[in-house]
Protein backbone atom coordinates (compact mmCIF):
# COMPACT_ATOMS: atom_id res chain seq x y z
CA MET A 1 482.02 75.80 -12.02
CA VAL A 2 482.74 79.52 -12.14
CA ILE A 3 485.03 79.36 -15.16
CA GLY A 4 482.55 77.12 -16.96
CA LYS A 5 479.76 79.60 -16.47
CA MET A 6 481.55 82.91 -16.99
CA PRO A 7 481.91 82.79 -20.79
CA PHE A 8 478.15 82.46 -21.10
CA VAL A 9 477.10 84.84 -18.35
CA LEU A 10 479.44 87.79 -18.85
CA PRO A 11 478.61 88.43 -22.52
CA LYS A 12 474.98 88.86 -21.46
CA GLY A 13 476.07 91.32 -18.79
CA ALA A 14 474.34 89.86 -15.75
CA LEU A 15 474.84 87.16 -13.19
CA ASP A 16 471.74 85.24 -12.19
CA SER A 17 470.83 84.80 -8.54
CA GLU A 18 468.55 81.78 -8.51
CA PRO A 19 468.87 79.21 -5.71
CA PRO A 20 471.31 76.35 -6.50
CA SER A 21 468.58 73.67 -6.47
CA ARG A 22 466.55 75.54 -9.07
CA LYS A 23 469.64 76.14 -11.21
CA LYS A 24 470.47 72.43 -11.12
CA GLU A 25 466.95 71.41 -12.16
CA PHE A 26 466.98 73.93 -15.01
CA PHE A 27 470.44 72.80 -16.11
CA ILE A 28 469.42 69.12 -16.19
CA ARG A 29 466.27 69.92 -18.18
CA ARG A 30 468.33 71.90 -20.70
CA ILE A 31 470.83 69.06 -21.10
CA ASN A 32 468.05 66.55 -21.67
CA LYS A 33 466.35 68.87 -24.15
CA GLY A 34 469.47 69.58 -26.19
CA LEU A 35 470.46 72.82 -27.88
CA THR A 36 467.61 75.02 -28.99
CA GLN A 37 467.54 77.66 -31.69
CA GLU A 38 467.90 80.27 -28.94
CA ASN A 39 471.08 78.53 -27.73
CA TRP A 40 472.61 78.62 -31.19
CA GLU A 41 471.68 82.28 -31.59
CA GLN A 42 473.23 83.15 -28.22
CA MET A 43 476.40 81.24 -29.05
CA GLU A 44 476.82 83.33 -32.21
CA LEU A 45 477.32 86.33 -29.90
CA LEU A 46 480.41 84.80 -28.28
CA SER A 47 483.76 86.25 -29.27
CA THR A 48 486.37 84.22 -31.14
CA GLU A 49 488.50 84.21 -27.98
CA CYS A 50 485.60 82.85 -25.95
CA TRP A 51 484.96 80.11 -28.53
CA HIS A 52 488.64 79.16 -28.46
CA LEU A 53 488.66 79.00 -24.65
CA LEU A 54 485.53 76.83 -24.52
CA ASP A 55 486.83 74.57 -27.27
CA SER A 56 490.12 74.18 -25.40
CA LEU A 57 488.37 73.43 -22.10
CA LEU A 58 486.04 70.86 -23.65
CA GLN A 59 488.80 69.10 -25.58
CA PRO A 60 488.24 65.31 -25.25
CA ASP A 61 491.98 64.58 -25.46
CA GLN A 62 493.38 65.32 -22.01
CA PHE A 63 496.81 66.07 -23.46
CA LYS A 64 495.39 68.81 -25.71
CA ARG A 65 493.08 70.25 -23.04
CA LEU A 66 494.13 73.50 -21.34
CA HIS A 67 495.54 73.32 -17.81
CA ALA A 68 494.42 75.79 -15.12
CA GLU A 69 497.59 77.85 -15.54
CA GLU A 70 496.98 78.12 -19.30
CA VAL A 71 493.36 79.13 -18.75
CA LEU A 72 494.40 82.02 -16.52
CA VAL A 73 496.67 83.45 -19.23
CA HIS A 74 494.22 82.82 -22.08
CA PRO A 75 493.42 86.02 -24.05
CA TRP A 76 489.73 85.81 -23.09
CA PHE A 77 490.79 86.41 -19.48
CA THR A 78 493.80 88.68 -20.00
CA ARG A 79 492.04 91.04 -22.43
CA ASN A 80 488.89 91.27 -20.33
CA PRO A 81 489.09 94.27 -17.94
CA TYR A 82 486.85 92.48 -15.41
CA PHE A 83 489.34 89.64 -15.00
CA ASN A 84 492.50 91.57 -15.77
CA SER A 85 492.29 93.57 -12.54
CA ARG A 86 491.41 90.50 -10.46
CA LEU A 87 493.99 88.13 -11.94
CA SER A 88 496.86 90.55 -11.45
CA ARG A 89 496.44 90.53 -7.66
């Protein structure tokens, strides 16, 4: 779930530290509620590269969806200094 969460967490600049059970409850409530105005406003802050990565990961057609190897060389990861130093190891 790390890759799924990173595009949303890193632009805000902080990782949350809530217990997993509380995170799961919150996540389920948010799914059931749907996207709020705040969600749409936050998504506007995402970079074009981040949007492309998310779109590629959530692609319904499995043949068009990115594979793990492609994700690791995606510009959102390779141009991000945080990941660049960690992925080159």
